[in-house]
N, C-alpha and C. Protein backbone atom coordinates (compact mmCIF):
# COMPACT_ATOMS: atom_id res chain seq x y z
N MET A 1 -0.29 16.28 -5.65
CA MET A 1 0.51 16.46 -6.73
C MET A 1 -0.28 16.47 -8.01
N ASP A 2 -0.24 17.64 -8.74
CA ASP A 2 -1.09 17.71 -9.95
C ASP A 2 -0.23 17.33 -11.17
N LEU A 3 -0.90 17.41 -12.31
CA LEU A 3 -0.29 17.00 -13.55
C LEU A 3 0.92 17.85 -13.92
N GLY A 4 0.97 19.05 -13.62
CA GLY A 4 2.12 19.90 -13.95
C GLY A 4 3.38 19.49 -13.22
N ASP A 5 3.19 19.11 -11.89
CA ASP A 5 4.35 18.61 -11.08
C ASP A 5 4.88 17.28 -11.60
N ILE A 6 3.93 16.45 -12.01
CA ILE A 6 4.35 15.13 -12.51
C ILE A 6 5.09 15.29 -13.82
N LEU A 7 4.64 16.15 -14.73
CA LEU A 7 5.34 16.43 -16.01
C LEU A 7 6.67 17.05 -15.78
N LEU A 8 6.78 17.97 -14.83
CA LEU A 8 8.09 18.55 -14.51
C LEU A 8 9.07 17.57 -14.00
N GLU A 9 8.65 16.62 -13.19
CA GLU A 9 9.52 15.55 -12.67
C GLU A 9 9.93 14.62 -13.78
N LEU A 10 9.03 14.33 -14.74
CA LEU A 10 9.38 13.47 -15.84
C LEU A 10 10.40 14.14 -16.80
N ILE A 11 10.23 15.44 -16.97
CA ILE A 11 11.18 16.22 -17.79
C ILE A 11 12.53 16.18 -17.17
N ILE A 12 12.54 16.44 -15.85
CA ILE A 12 13.87 16.45 -15.11
C ILE A 12 14.52 15.03 -15.19
N TYR A 13 13.70 14.06 -15.07
CA TYR A 13 14.23 12.59 -15.14
C TYR A 13 14.76 12.36 -16.54
N LEU A 14 14.07 12.81 -17.61
CA LEU A 14 14.54 12.66 -18.94
C LEU A 14 15.84 13.35 -19.19
N ILE A 15 16.05 14.61 -18.68
CA ILE A 15 17.24 15.36 -18.81
C ILE A 15 18.38 14.60 -18.11
N PHE A 16 18.02 14.11 -16.90
CA PHE A 16 19.01 13.25 -16.16
C PHE A 16 19.51 12.07 -16.98
N LEU A 17 18.55 11.41 -17.57
CA LEU A 17 18.88 10.23 -18.40
C LEU A 17 19.77 10.56 -19.57
N VAL A 18 19.51 11.63 -20.26
CA VAL A 18 20.31 12.07 -21.45
C VAL A 18 21.72 12.43 -20.96
N VAL A 19 21.84 13.13 -19.87
CA VAL A 19 23.17 13.53 -19.32
C VAL A 19 23.97 12.24 -18.88
N MET A 20 23.25 11.32 -18.20
CA MET A 20 23.86 10.08 -17.81
C MET A 20 24.26 9.23 -19.01
N THR A 21 23.44 9.26 -20.06
CA THR A 21 23.80 8.55 -21.29
C THR A 21 25.09 9.09 -21.95
N ILE A 22 25.16 10.42 -21.96
CA ILE A 22 26.37 11.03 -22.52
C ILE A 22 27.62 10.66 -21.82
N PHE A 23 27.60 10.71 -20.49
CA PHE A 23 28.77 10.30 -19.68
C PHE A 23 29.04 8.83 -19.85
N LEU A 24 28.02 8.01 -19.92
CA LEU A 24 28.26 6.57 -20.08
C LEU A 24 28.83 6.27 -21.50
N LYS A 25 28.34 6.95 -22.44
CA LYS A 25 28.82 6.82 -23.85
C LYS A 25 30.28 7.23 -23.95
N ILE A 26 30.70 8.28 -23.32
CA ILE A 26 32.11 8.75 -23.26
C ILE A 26 32.99 7.73 -22.62
N ALA A 27 32.50 7.13 -21.41
CA ALA A 27 33.21 6.13 -20.71
C ALA A 27 33.35 4.87 -21.50
N LEU A 28 32.36 4.49 -22.26
CA LEU A 28 32.38 3.31 -23.13
C LEU A 28 33.40 3.47 -24.30
N SER A 29 33.54 4.69 -24.73
CA SER A 29 34.44 4.93 -25.88
C SER A 29 35.91 4.75 -25.47
N PHE A 30 36.23 4.72 -24.20
CA PHE A 30 37.61 4.49 -23.86
C PHE A 30 38.05 3.03 -24.02
N PHE A 31 37.09 2.17 -24.19
CA PHE A 31 37.42 0.73 -24.35
C PHE A 31 37.00 0.28 -25.78
N SER A 32 37.94 -0.06 -26.53
CA SER A 32 37.69 -0.48 -27.89
C SER A 32 36.96 -1.82 -27.97
N LYS A 33 37.02 -2.60 -26.89
CA LYS A 33 36.36 -3.94 -26.90
C LYS A 33 34.83 -3.81 -26.82
N SER A 34 34.33 -2.68 -26.27
CA SER A 34 32.91 -2.52 -26.04
C SER A 34 32.13 -2.40 -27.41
N ARG A 35 31.01 -3.00 -27.46
CA ARG A 35 30.10 -2.90 -28.63
C ARG A 35 28.81 -2.30 -28.22
N ASN A 36 27.90 -2.08 -29.21
CA ASN A 36 26.62 -1.43 -28.94
C ASN A 36 26.80 -0.13 -28.19
N THR A 37 27.67 0.76 -28.81
CA THR A 37 27.89 2.03 -28.23
C THR A 37 27.06 3.17 -28.86
N GLU A 38 26.11 2.78 -29.68
CA GLU A 38 25.24 3.82 -30.24
C GLU A 38 24.31 4.37 -29.16
N PHE A 39 23.77 5.63 -29.42
CA PHE A 39 23.12 6.39 -28.33
C PHE A 39 21.91 5.59 -27.78
N GLY A 40 21.19 4.93 -28.60
CA GLY A 40 19.93 4.17 -28.19
C GLY A 40 20.30 3.06 -27.22
N LYS A 41 21.31 2.28 -27.51
CA LYS A 41 21.66 1.17 -26.61
C LYS A 41 22.26 1.76 -25.24
N VAL A 42 22.95 2.77 -25.34
CA VAL A 42 23.53 3.41 -24.14
C VAL A 42 22.36 4.09 -23.34
N PHE A 43 21.44 4.66 -23.99
CA PHE A 43 20.26 5.21 -23.31
C PHE A 43 19.48 4.13 -22.60
N LEU A 44 19.30 2.99 -23.27
CA LEU A 44 18.64 1.83 -22.68
C LEU A 44 19.38 1.42 -21.41
N THR A 45 20.75 1.32 -21.48
CA THR A 45 21.53 0.95 -20.32
C THR A 45 21.31 1.94 -19.20
N SER A 46 21.32 3.24 -19.49
CA SER A 46 21.11 4.29 -18.44
C SER A 46 19.77 4.14 -17.85
N PHE A 47 18.77 3.86 -18.66
CA PHE A 47 17.39 3.67 -18.12
C PHE A 47 17.36 2.45 -17.17
N LEU A 48 17.96 1.37 -17.61
CA LEU A 48 17.95 0.19 -16.76
C LEU A 48 18.75 0.48 -15.43
N ILE A 49 19.85 1.24 -15.56
CA ILE A 49 20.61 1.55 -14.36
C ILE A 49 19.69 2.30 -13.34
N THR A 50 18.99 3.34 -13.81
CA THR A 50 18.18 4.12 -12.88
C THR A 50 17.04 3.29 -12.29
N ILE A 51 16.46 2.42 -13.09
CA ILE A 51 15.36 1.57 -12.56
C ILE A 51 15.92 0.59 -11.54
N ILE A 52 17.10 0.03 -11.78
CA ILE A 52 17.71 -0.89 -10.79
C ILE A 52 18.04 -0.12 -9.47
N LEU A 53 18.63 1.04 -9.59
CA LEU A 53 18.91 1.81 -8.43
C LEU A 53 17.71 2.18 -7.69
N PHE A 54 16.66 2.61 -8.33
CA PHE A 54 15.42 2.97 -7.67
C PHE A 54 14.80 1.75 -6.95
N LEU A 55 14.71 0.62 -7.59
CA LEU A 55 14.10 -0.53 -6.99
C LEU A 55 14.85 -0.99 -5.71
N PHE A 56 16.15 -0.98 -5.85
CA PHE A 56 16.92 -1.42 -4.63
C PHE A 56 16.90 -0.40 -3.58
N ASP A 57 16.85 0.86 -3.92
CA ASP A 57 16.76 1.91 -2.87
C ASP A 57 15.41 1.85 -2.19
N TYR A 58 14.37 1.55 -2.98
CA TYR A 58 13.06 1.52 -2.38
C TYR A 58 12.77 0.28 -1.52
N PHE A 59 13.18 -0.92 -2.05
CA PHE A 59 12.84 -2.11 -1.41
C PHE A 59 13.94 -2.58 -0.47
N LEU A 60 15.16 -2.24 -0.73
CA LEU A 60 16.28 -2.68 0.18
C LEU A 60 17.24 -1.54 0.41
N PRO A 61 16.79 -0.51 1.16
CA PRO A 61 17.70 0.68 1.33
C PRO A 61 18.93 0.30 2.19
N GLY A 62 19.99 1.05 1.97
CA GLY A 62 21.21 0.88 2.70
C GLY A 62 22.31 0.37 1.86
N LEU A 63 23.35 0.01 2.56
CA LEU A 63 24.58 -0.38 1.87
C LEU A 63 24.50 -1.71 1.15
N LEU A 64 23.79 -2.68 1.84
CA LEU A 64 23.58 -3.94 1.15
C LEU A 64 22.84 -3.83 -0.17
N GLY A 65 21.78 -3.04 -0.19
CA GLY A 65 21.05 -2.82 -1.43
C GLY A 65 21.88 -2.13 -2.48
N LEU A 66 22.73 -1.19 -2.12
CA LEU A 66 23.59 -0.54 -3.07
C LEU A 66 24.60 -1.46 -3.62
N ILE A 67 25.17 -2.36 -2.79
CA ILE A 67 26.15 -3.32 -3.30
C ILE A 67 25.48 -4.28 -4.30
N ILE A 68 24.28 -4.73 -3.96
CA ILE A 68 23.66 -5.69 -4.87
C ILE A 68 23.26 -4.99 -6.18
N ALA A 69 22.80 -3.75 -6.02
CA ALA A 69 22.38 -2.96 -7.26
C ALA A 69 23.67 -2.77 -8.14
N LEU A 70 24.75 -2.41 -7.49
CA LEU A 70 25.96 -2.19 -8.33
C LEU A 70 26.43 -3.42 -9.05
N ILE A 71 26.34 -4.55 -8.40
CA ILE A 71 26.71 -5.82 -9.01
C ILE A 71 25.76 -6.11 -10.26
N ILE A 72 24.52 -5.84 -10.05
CA ILE A 72 23.52 -6.07 -11.09
C ILE A 72 23.81 -5.09 -12.31
N ILE A 73 24.14 -3.89 -11.90
CA ILE A 73 24.39 -2.80 -12.92
C ILE A 73 25.63 -3.19 -13.75
N TRP A 74 26.68 -3.65 -13.09
CA TRP A 74 27.86 -4.09 -13.79
C TRP A 74 27.63 -5.29 -14.73
N LEU A 75 26.73 -6.19 -14.25
CA LEU A 75 26.37 -7.32 -15.11
C LEU A 75 25.55 -6.83 -16.28
N VAL A 76 24.67 -5.87 -16.12
CA VAL A 76 23.97 -5.33 -17.26
C VAL A 76 24.85 -4.66 -18.23
N ILE A 77 25.75 -3.83 -17.73
CA ILE A 77 26.73 -3.14 -18.71
C ILE A 77 27.57 -4.18 -19.41
N SER A 78 28.08 -5.14 -18.72
CA SER A 78 28.95 -6.14 -19.39
C SER A 78 28.14 -6.99 -20.37
N ALA A 79 26.88 -7.25 -20.12
CA ALA A 79 26.02 -8.01 -21.03
C ALA A 79 25.59 -7.25 -22.25
N ILE A 80 25.18 -6.01 -22.04
CA ILE A 80 24.63 -5.22 -23.17
C ILE A 80 25.82 -4.76 -24.13
N HIS A 81 26.89 -4.39 -23.50
CA HIS A 81 28.00 -3.78 -24.28
C HIS A 81 29.14 -4.74 -24.53
N HIS A 82 28.97 -5.96 -24.12
CA HIS A 82 29.97 -7.05 -24.40
C HIS A 82 31.34 -6.72 -23.86
N THR A 83 31.36 -6.18 -22.69
CA THR A 83 32.63 -5.93 -21.97
C THR A 83 32.71 -6.96 -20.78
N GLY A 84 33.86 -7.13 -20.27
CA GLY A 84 34.01 -7.99 -19.07
C GLY A 84 33.46 -7.30 -17.84
N PHE A 85 33.33 -8.04 -16.79
CA PHE A 85 32.90 -7.52 -15.51
C PHE A 85 33.84 -6.41 -15.03
N GLY A 86 35.12 -6.64 -15.12
CA GLY A 86 36.12 -5.62 -14.73
C GLY A 86 35.96 -4.34 -15.49
N TYR A 87 35.81 -4.52 -16.88
CA TYR A 87 35.66 -3.32 -17.66
C TYR A 87 34.35 -2.54 -17.30
N ALA A 88 33.33 -3.25 -16.95
CA ALA A 88 32.02 -2.62 -16.53
C ALA A 88 32.31 -1.72 -15.28
N ILE A 89 33.10 -2.21 -14.41
CA ILE A 89 33.42 -1.49 -13.16
C ILE A 89 34.20 -0.27 -13.58
N LEU A 90 35.19 -0.38 -14.45
CA LEU A 90 35.99 0.72 -14.90
C LEU A 90 35.12 1.76 -15.62
N ILE A 91 34.19 1.25 -16.48
CA ILE A 91 33.32 2.17 -17.16
C ILE A 91 32.45 3.04 -16.24
N THR A 92 31.93 2.33 -15.19
CA THR A 92 31.17 3.02 -14.17
C THR A 92 32.03 4.09 -13.47
N LEU A 93 33.20 3.73 -13.05
CA LEU A 93 34.11 4.69 -12.40
C LEU A 93 34.43 5.85 -13.27
N ILE A 94 34.72 5.64 -14.51
CA ILE A 94 35.08 6.73 -15.47
C ILE A 94 33.90 7.65 -15.64
N ALA A 95 32.75 7.05 -15.81
CA ALA A 95 31.44 7.86 -15.96
C ALA A 95 31.24 8.73 -14.70
N LEU A 96 31.48 8.17 -13.56
CA LEU A 96 31.26 8.87 -12.28
C LEU A 96 32.32 10.01 -12.14
N LEU A 97 33.52 9.71 -12.52
CA LEU A 97 34.61 10.78 -12.46
C LEU A 97 34.33 11.89 -13.44
N LEU A 98 33.90 11.58 -14.65
CA LEU A 98 33.49 12.58 -15.61
C LEU A 98 32.39 13.50 -15.10
N TYR A 99 31.42 12.87 -14.42
CA TYR A 99 30.27 13.60 -13.85
C TYR A 99 30.83 14.61 -12.77
N ILE A 100 31.72 14.08 -11.95
CA ILE A 100 32.24 14.92 -10.87
C ILE A 100 33.06 16.09 -11.41
N VAL A 101 33.87 15.84 -12.44
CA VAL A 101 34.72 16.88 -13.01
C VAL A 101 33.84 17.92 -13.66
N VAL A 102 32.85 17.51 -14.37
CA VAL A 102 31.94 18.46 -15.08
C VAL A 102 31.20 19.30 -14.00
N LEU A 103 30.76 18.72 -12.91
CA LEU A 103 30.08 19.45 -11.83
C LEU A 103 31.02 20.46 -11.27
N LEU A 104 32.27 20.08 -10.99
CA LEU A 104 33.23 21.03 -10.47
C LEU A 104 33.50 22.24 -11.38
N ILE A 105 33.61 21.91 -12.67
CA ILE A 105 33.94 22.99 -13.64
C ILE A 105 32.73 23.91 -13.74
N ILE A 106 31.58 23.37 -13.83
CA ILE A 106 30.35 24.24 -13.85
C ILE A 106 30.22 25.08 -12.60
N GLY A 107 30.53 24.40 -11.49
CA GLY A 107 30.43 25.15 -10.18
C GLY A 107 31.52 26.29 -10.14
N LEU A 108 32.67 26.06 -10.63
CA LEU A 108 33.66 27.09 -10.67
C LEU A 108 33.30 28.20 -11.66
N ILE A 109 32.77 27.90 -12.79
CA ILE A 109 32.32 28.94 -13.69
C ILE A 109 31.18 29.82 -13.13
N LEU A 110 30.22 29.12 -12.51
CA LEU A 110 29.09 29.85 -11.90
C LEU A 110 29.37 30.45 -10.53
N GLY A 111 30.46 29.97 -9.86
CA GLY A 111 30.84 30.49 -8.59
C GLY A 111 29.95 29.88 -7.48
N ILE A 112 29.42 28.70 -7.66
CA ILE A 112 28.61 28.10 -6.64
C ILE A 112 29.10 26.66 -6.42
N THR A 113 28.69 26.09 -5.34
CA THR A 113 28.97 24.70 -4.98
C THR A 113 27.94 23.72 -5.44
N LEU A 114 28.22 22.96 -6.46
CA LEU A 114 27.28 21.99 -6.93
C LEU A 114 27.51 20.62 -6.31
N LEU A 115 28.69 20.43 -5.81
CA LEU A 115 29.08 19.15 -5.24
C LEU A 115 29.72 19.36 -3.89
N PRO A 116 28.94 19.21 -2.78
CA PRO A 116 29.54 19.52 -1.43
C PRO A 116 30.56 18.40 -1.08
N PHE A 117 31.61 18.87 -0.54
CA PHE A 117 32.68 17.93 -0.02
C PHE A 117 32.55 17.74 1.45
N PRO A 118 32.85 16.56 1.96
CA PRO A 118 32.70 16.38 3.43
C PRO A 118 33.82 16.96 4.27
N PHE A 119 34.78 17.65 3.62
CA PHE A 119 35.83 18.32 4.35
C PHE A 119 35.92 19.80 4.00
N PRO A 120 36.42 20.57 4.89
CA PRO A 120 36.47 22.08 4.66
C PRO A 120 37.50 22.44 3.65
């Protein structure tokens, strides 16, 4: 792997973080109780989420690692943005649903499948 490949992967990761931050910021805006909703704090939350997911996928792959990572992610969201644990779960679900809807719309516009479904 040369320097160009590493830089390309870092650029793709940065784009992914910005997109994730936008969806998380929109999901946070649905709850008036949440604080620290400026872009920098939400970007930090998105960065921590990706690091947590990577570490648990690398060191503890499987369903147990995913469950532990999600609990830690919800604790991070509730701590940084001053929401409850239940609101952190809702924020995560709303951000995921926004991501899926946007993928489906882009796929329909481009005429391609961006999100494969397990059923025909």
